[in-house]
Amino acid sequence: MVKYRADGASALDAFGALADPTRRAIVTRLADAGECTVGELAAVAPRTMSLPAVSKHVSVLERAGLVERRRVGRTQRCRLVTAPLDEAAAWLDERRRTWARRLDRLAEELENEQGER
């Protein structure tokens, strides 16, 4: 079951946010390095991407609940929030179990059909 958080975002919002390779790279950087500035996150973006464009990608991740941003002086520090990823992984696991059961039933039906011949 998909869980909806109080802020209105769902676990499935993480999939939309992670559809873009730049946002996946940002999440990977935060997972590997921990809290980073937006400027440090720009290092994982394509060279042609501006700092404001990277900030927009961070905003998409923020809306999906994957990133929290805080201001420290003149810089913005970002940190990864893993709860939406955990919820998305749980949703995928649920789908995987459902399809495994269906495929097991199909295999049983095919074996029964083979046995009847």
N, C-alpha and C. Protein backbone atom coordinates (compact mmCIF):
# COMPACT_ATOMS: atom_id res chain seq x y z
N MET A 1 0.84 -1.18 0.00
CA MET A 1 0.00 0.00 0.00
C MET A 1 0.88 1.24 0.00
N VAL A 2 0.52 2.22 -0.81
CA VAL A 2 1.27 3.47 -0.89
C VAL A 2 0.89 4.33 0.30
N LYS A 3 1.88 4.84 0.99
CA LYS A 3 1.63 5.69 2.15
C LYS A 3 1.75 7.15 1.75
N TYR A 4 0.82 7.96 2.22
CA TYR A 4 0.85 9.39 1.97
C TYR A 4 1.29 10.10 3.23
N ARG A 5 2.25 10.99 3.10
CA ARG A 5 2.75 11.71 4.25
C ARG A 5 1.90 12.94 4.51
N ALA A 6 2.04 13.48 5.69
CA ALA A 6 1.25 14.65 6.09
C ALA A 6 1.48 15.84 5.16
N ASP A 7 2.67 15.95 4.55
CA ASP A 7 2.94 17.10 3.68
C ASP A 7 2.32 16.92 2.29
N GLY A 8 1.59 15.82 2.07
CA GLY A 8 0.91 15.60 0.81
C GLY A 8 1.70 14.79 -0.20
N ALA A 9 2.98 14.58 0.03
CA ALA A 9 3.80 13.79 -0.89
C ALA A 9 3.62 12.31 -0.58
N SER A 10 3.70 11.49 -1.60
CA SER A 10 3.61 10.05 -1.39
C SER A 10 4.95 9.40 -1.66
N ALA A 11 5.04 8.15 -1.28
CA ALA A 11 6.26 7.40 -1.54
C ALA A 11 6.54 7.34 -3.04
N LEU A 12 5.49 7.35 -3.84
CA LEU A 12 5.66 7.27 -5.29
C LEU A 12 6.21 8.55 -5.89
N ASP A 13 6.11 9.67 -5.18
CA ASP A 13 6.71 10.91 -5.66
C ASP A 13 8.21 10.76 -5.82
N ALA A 14 8.79 9.87 -5.03
CA ALA A 14 10.24 9.63 -5.14
C ALA A 14 10.60 9.12 -6.53
N PHE A 15 9.73 8.28 -7.11
CA PHE A 15 10.01 7.75 -8.45
C PHE A 15 10.07 8.87 -9.48
N GLY A 16 9.12 9.78 -9.41
CA GLY A 16 9.11 10.90 -10.35
C GLY A 16 10.33 11.78 -10.20
N ALA A 17 10.71 12.03 -8.96
CA ALA A 17 11.88 12.88 -8.71
C ALA A 17 13.15 12.20 -9.18
N LEU A 18 13.20 10.89 -9.06
CA LEU A 18 14.42 10.16 -9.42
C LEU A 18 14.46 9.76 -10.89
N ALA A 19 13.46 10.17 -11.65
CA ALA A 19 13.44 9.85 -13.08
C ALA A 19 14.56 10.56 -13.83
N ASP A 20 15.03 11.66 -13.31
CA ASP A 20 16.06 12.45 -13.97
C ASP A 20 17.45 12.01 -13.51
N PRO A 21 18.39 11.79 -14.44
CA PRO A 21 19.72 11.32 -14.05
C PRO A 21 20.50 12.32 -13.18
N THR A 22 20.28 13.61 -13.37
CA THR A 22 20.97 14.60 -12.53
C THR A 22 20.48 14.49 -11.09
N ARG A 23 19.18 14.31 -10.91
CA ARG A 23 18.65 14.18 -9.55
C ARG A 23 19.11 12.87 -8.90
N ARG A 24 19.22 11.81 -9.70
CA ARG A 24 19.76 10.56 -9.15
C ARG A 24 21.20 10.76 -8.71
N ALA A 25 21.97 11.50 -9.49
CA ALA A 25 23.37 11.77 -9.12
C ALA A 25 23.45 12.60 -7.84
N ILE A 26 22.53 13.56 -7.69
CA ILE A 26 22.50 14.37 -6.46
C ILE A 26 22.19 13.50 -5.26
N VAL A 27 21.20 12.62 -5.39
CA VAL A 27 20.85 11.72 -4.28
C VAL A 27 22.01 10.80 -3.95
N THR A 28 22.68 10.28 -4.97
CA THR A 28 23.83 9.41 -4.75
C THR A 28 24.93 10.17 -4.01
N ARG A 29 25.19 11.39 -4.44
CA ARG A 29 26.23 12.21 -3.77
C ARG A 29 25.88 12.43 -2.30
N LEU A 30 24.60 12.76 -2.03
CA LEU A 30 24.20 12.98 -0.64
C LEU A 30 24.28 11.69 0.17
N ALA A 31 23.94 10.57 -0.44
CA ALA A 31 24.02 9.28 0.25
C ALA A 31 25.47 8.92 0.57
N ASP A 32 26.36 9.21 -0.37
CA ASP A 32 27.78 8.86 -0.19
C ASP A 32 28.53 9.84 0.70
N ALA A 33 28.31 11.14 0.49
CA ALA A 33 29.12 12.16 1.15
C ALA A 33 28.43 12.79 2.36
N GLY A 34 27.15 12.58 2.52
CA GLY A 34 26.43 13.24 3.60
C GLY A 34 26.03 14.64 3.19
N GLU A 35 25.77 15.48 4.16
CA GLU A 35 25.30 16.83 3.90
C GLU A 35 26.28 17.60 3.02
N CYS A 36 25.75 18.31 2.01
CA CYS A 36 26.57 19.07 1.06
C CYS A 36 25.91 20.42 0.80
N THR A 37 26.69 21.34 0.30
CA THR A 37 26.12 22.60 -0.17
C THR A 37 25.59 22.39 -1.58
N VAL A 38 24.72 23.29 -2.02
CA VAL A 38 24.21 23.22 -3.39
C VAL A 38 25.38 23.34 -4.37
N GLY A 39 26.36 24.17 -4.05
CA GLY A 39 27.55 24.30 -4.89
C GLY A 39 28.31 22.99 -5.02
N GLU A 40 28.45 22.25 -3.93
CA GLU A 40 29.13 20.96 -3.97
C GLU A 40 28.32 19.96 -4.80
N LEU A 41 26.99 20.05 -4.70
CA LEU A 41 26.14 19.16 -5.49
C LEU A 41 26.25 19.46 -6.98
N ALA A 42 26.56 20.70 -7.32
CA ALA A 42 26.71 21.08 -8.73
C ALA A 42 27.84 20.30 -9.39
N ALA A 43 28.77 19.80 -8.60
CA ALA A 43 29.89 19.04 -9.15
C ALA A 43 29.44 17.75 -9.83
N VAL A 44 28.28 17.20 -9.45
CA VAL A 44 27.80 15.96 -10.05
C VAL A 44 26.92 16.23 -11.27
N ALA A 45 26.57 17.49 -11.50
CA ALA A 45 25.73 17.87 -12.64
C ALA A 45 26.59 18.02 -13.89
N PRO A 46 25.96 17.95 -15.06
CA PRO A 46 26.73 18.20 -16.29
C PRO A 46 27.40 19.58 -16.24
N ARG A 47 28.57 19.70 -16.83
CA ARG A 47 29.35 20.94 -16.79
C ARG A 47 28.58 22.15 -17.32
N THR A 48 27.67 21.90 -18.23
CA THR A 48 26.93 23.01 -18.84
C THR A 48 25.77 23.49 -17.97
N MET A 49 25.50 22.80 -16.87
CA MET A 49 24.37 23.16 -16.01
C MET A 49 24.77 24.26 -15.04
N SER A 50 23.92 25.28 -14.94
CA SER A 50 24.19 26.41 -14.05
C SER A 50 23.81 26.06 -12.62
N LEU A 51 24.33 26.84 -11.69
CA LEU A 51 23.99 26.66 -10.27
C LEU A 51 22.49 26.82 -10.03
N PRO A 52 21.81 27.82 -10.63
CA PRO A 52 20.36 27.91 -10.45
C PRO A 52 19.62 26.67 -10.97
N ALA A 53 20.11 26.06 -12.04
CA ALA A 53 19.49 24.84 -12.56
C ALA A 53 19.65 23.69 -11.57
N VAL A 54 20.83 23.58 -10.96
CA VAL A 54 21.05 22.55 -9.93
C VAL A 54 20.12 22.80 -8.76
N SER A 55 19.97 24.05 -8.38
CA SER A 55 19.07 24.40 -7.27
C SER A 55 17.62 24.00 -7.58
N LYS A 56 17.22 24.12 -8.85
CA LYS A 56 15.87 23.69 -9.24
C LYS A 56 15.72 22.18 -9.09
N HIS A 57 16.77 21.44 -9.46
CA HIS A 57 16.73 19.99 -9.28
C HIS A 57 16.62 19.65 -7.79
N VAL A 58 17.35 20.36 -6.96
CA VAL A 58 17.26 20.15 -5.51
C VAL A 58 15.85 20.45 -5.03
N SER A 59 15.21 21.47 -5.59
CA SER A 59 13.83 21.81 -5.21
C SER A 59 12.87 20.68 -5.54
N VAL A 60 13.05 20.03 -6.69
CA VAL A 60 12.20 18.89 -7.05
C VAL A 60 12.37 17.78 -6.02
N LEU A 61 13.63 17.52 -5.64
CA LEU A 61 13.90 16.49 -4.63
C LEU A 61 13.31 16.88 -3.28
N GLU A 62 13.33 18.16 -2.98
CA GLU A 62 12.73 18.67 -1.74
C GLU A 62 11.23 18.43 -1.72
N ARG A 63 10.55 18.77 -2.82
CA ARG A 63 9.10 18.59 -2.90
C ARG A 63 8.71 17.12 -2.76
N ALA A 64 9.56 16.23 -3.23
CA ALA A 64 9.32 14.80 -3.11
C ALA A 64 9.66 14.28 -1.72
N GLY A 65 10.22 15.15 -0.87
CA GLY A 65 10.58 14.75 0.49
C GLY A 65 11.90 14.03 0.60
N LEU A 66 12.69 14.02 -0.47
CA LEU A 66 13.96 13.30 -0.47
C LEU A 66 15.13 14.13 0.07
N VAL A 67 14.98 15.44 0.06
CA VAL A 67 16.06 16.33 0.49
C VAL A 67 15.50 17.40 1.41
N GLU A 68 16.27 17.72 2.43
CA GLU A 68 15.97 18.88 3.29
C GLU A 68 17.09 19.88 3.08
N ARG A 69 16.70 21.14 2.95
CA ARG A 69 17.68 22.20 2.70
C ARG A 69 17.59 23.19 3.85
N ARG A 70 18.76 23.65 4.31
CA ARG A 70 18.79 24.68 5.36
C ARG A 70 19.85 25.70 5.00
N ARG A 71 19.61 26.91 5.40
CA ARG A 71 20.54 28.00 5.09
C ARG A 71 21.53 28.14 6.25
N VAL A 72 22.80 28.20 5.90
CA VAL A 72 23.88 28.45 6.86
C VAL A 72 24.67 29.62 6.30
N GLY A 73 24.44 30.78 6.86
CA GLY A 73 25.09 31.98 6.32
C GLY A 73 24.60 32.24 4.92
N ARG A 74 25.52 32.28 3.98
CA ARG A 74 25.16 32.55 2.59
C ARG A 74 25.01 31.26 1.77
N THR A 75 25.22 30.12 2.40
CA THR A 75 25.13 28.85 1.66
C THR A 75 23.89 28.08 2.06
N GLN A 76 23.50 27.20 1.18
CA GLN A 76 22.40 26.29 1.46
C GLN A 76 22.96 24.89 1.59
N ARG A 77 22.69 24.26 2.72
CA ARG A 77 23.17 22.90 2.96
C ARG A 77 22.01 21.94 2.76
N CYS A 78 22.29 20.82 2.10
CA CYS A 78 21.27 19.83 1.78
C CYS A 78 21.63 18.51 2.43
N ARG A 79 20.60 17.81 2.86
CA ARG A 79 20.82 16.46 3.39
C ARG A 79 19.75 15.54 2.84
N LEU A 80 20.10 14.28 2.70
CA LEU A 80 19.20 13.27 2.17
C LEU A 80 18.22 12.83 3.26
N VAL A 81 16.97 12.67 2.88
CA VAL A 81 15.94 12.11 3.76
C VAL A 81 15.59 10.75 3.17
N THR A 82 15.83 9.69 3.91
CA THR A 82 15.69 8.35 3.35
C THR A 82 14.30 7.76 3.48
N ALA A 83 13.43 8.32 4.30
CA ALA A 83 12.11 7.73 4.51
C ALA A 83 11.34 7.52 3.20
N PRO A 84 11.29 8.50 2.28
CA PRO A 84 10.57 8.25 1.03
C PRO A 84 11.19 7.12 0.20
N LEU A 85 12.50 6.98 0.27
CA LEU A 85 13.16 5.88 -0.44
C LEU A 85 12.78 4.54 0.19
N ASP A 86 12.70 4.52 1.51
CA ASP A 86 12.29 3.30 2.21
C ASP A 86 10.85 2.94 1.85
N GLU A 87 9.97 3.95 1.78
CA GLU A 87 8.58 3.71 1.40
C GLU A 87 8.48 3.22 -0.04
N ALA A 88 9.26 3.81 -0.93
CA ALA A 88 9.26 3.38 -2.33
C ALA A 88 9.78 1.94 -2.45
N ALA A 89 10.81 1.61 -1.69
CA ALA A 89 11.36 0.25 -1.70
C ALA A 89 10.32 -0.74 -1.18
N ALA A 90 9.59 -0.36 -0.14
CA ALA A 90 8.53 -1.23 0.39
C ALA A 90 7.44 -1.45 -0.65
N TRP A 91 7.08 -0.39 -1.38
CA TRP A 91 6.07 -0.50 -2.42
C TRP A 91 6.55 -1.46 -3.52
N LEU A 92 7.83 -1.32 -3.92
CA LEU A 92 8.39 -2.22 -4.93
C LEU A 92 8.42 -3.66 -4.44
N ASP A 93 8.78 -3.86 -3.19
CA ASP A 93 8.80 -5.21 -2.61
C ASP A 93 7.41 -5.84 -2.64
N GLU A 94 6.40 -5.02 -2.35
CA GLU A 94 5.02 -5.51 -2.38
C GLU A 94 4.65 -5.94 -3.80
N ARG A 95 5.01 -5.12 -4.79
CA ARG A 95 4.74 -5.47 -6.19
C ARG A 95 5.50 -6.75 -6.57
N ARG A 96 6.74 -6.86 -6.14
CA ARG A 96 7.57 -8.02 -6.46
C ARG A 96 6.93 -9.30 -5.89
N ARG A 97 6.45 -9.23 -4.65
CA ARG A 97 5.80 -10.40 -4.03
C ARG A 97 4.53 -10.78 -4.79
N THR A 98 3.76 -9.78 -5.18
CA THR A 98 2.52 -10.04 -5.93
C THR A 98 2.83 -10.76 -7.23
N TRP A 99 3.82 -10.25 -7.99
CA TRP A 99 4.15 -10.88 -9.26
C TRP A 99 4.79 -12.25 -9.07
N ALA A 100 5.54 -12.43 -8.01
CA ALA A 100 6.13 -13.76 -7.74
C ALA A 100 5.01 -14.77 -7.49
N ARG A 101 4.00 -14.37 -6.71
CA ARG A 101 2.86 -15.29 -6.47
C ARG A 101 2.13 -15.61 -7.77
N ARG A 102 1.91 -14.59 -8.59
CA ARG A 102 1.21 -14.81 -9.86
C ARG A 102 2.01 -15.72 -10.78
N LEU A 103 3.29 -15.51 -10.85
CA LEU A 103 4.13 -16.35 -11.71
C LEU A 103 4.21 -17.78 -11.17
N ASP A 104 4.23 -17.93 -9.85
CA ASP A 104 4.21 -19.27 -9.26
C ASP A 104 2.92 -20.00 -9.62
N ARG A 105 1.78 -19.28 -9.55
CA ARG A 105 0.49 -19.90 -9.91
C ARG A 105 0.48 -20.28 -11.39
N LEU A 106 1.04 -19.40 -12.25
CA LEU A 106 1.11 -19.70 -13.67
C LEU A 106 1.96 -20.95 -13.90
N ALA A 107 3.09 -21.05 -13.22
CA ALA A 107 3.96 -22.22 -13.37
C ALA A 107 3.22 -23.49 -12.95
N GLU A 108 2.46 -23.42 -11.85
CA GLU A 108 1.69 -24.58 -11.39
C GLU A 108 0.65 -24.98 -12.43
N GLU A 109 -0.05 -23.99 -12.99
CA GLU A 109 -1.07 -24.27 -14.02
C GLU A 109 -0.43 -24.93 -15.24
N LEU A 110 0.72 -24.42 -15.66
CA LEU A 110 1.40 -24.99 -16.82
C LEU A 110 1.88 -26.40 -16.54
N GLU A 111 2.36 -26.66 -15.32
CA GLU A 111 2.79 -28.01 -14.96
C GLU A 111 1.59 -28.95 -14.94
N ASN A 112 0.48 -28.48 -14.39
CA ASN A 112 -0.75 -29.31 -14.36
C ASN A 112 -1.22 -29.62 -15.78
N GLU A 113 -1.16 -28.62 -16.63
CA GLU A 113 -1.58 -28.80 -18.02
C GLU A 113 -0.68 -29.80 -18.72
N GLN A 114 0.62 -29.74 -18.47
CA GLN A 114 1.58 -30.68 -19.06
C GLN A 114 1.30 -32.10 -18.56
N GLY A 115 0.94 -32.21 -17.29
CA GLY A 115 0.67 -33.51 -16.69
C GLY A 115 -0.59 -34.15 -17.23
N GLU A 116 -1.52 -33.35 -17.67
CA GLU A 116 -2.79 -33.88 -18.20
C GLU A 116 -2.64 -34.37 -19.62
N ARG A 117 -1.59 -34.05 -20.31
CA ARG A 117 -1.39 -34.47 -21.70
C ARG A 117 -0.89 -35.85 -21.79
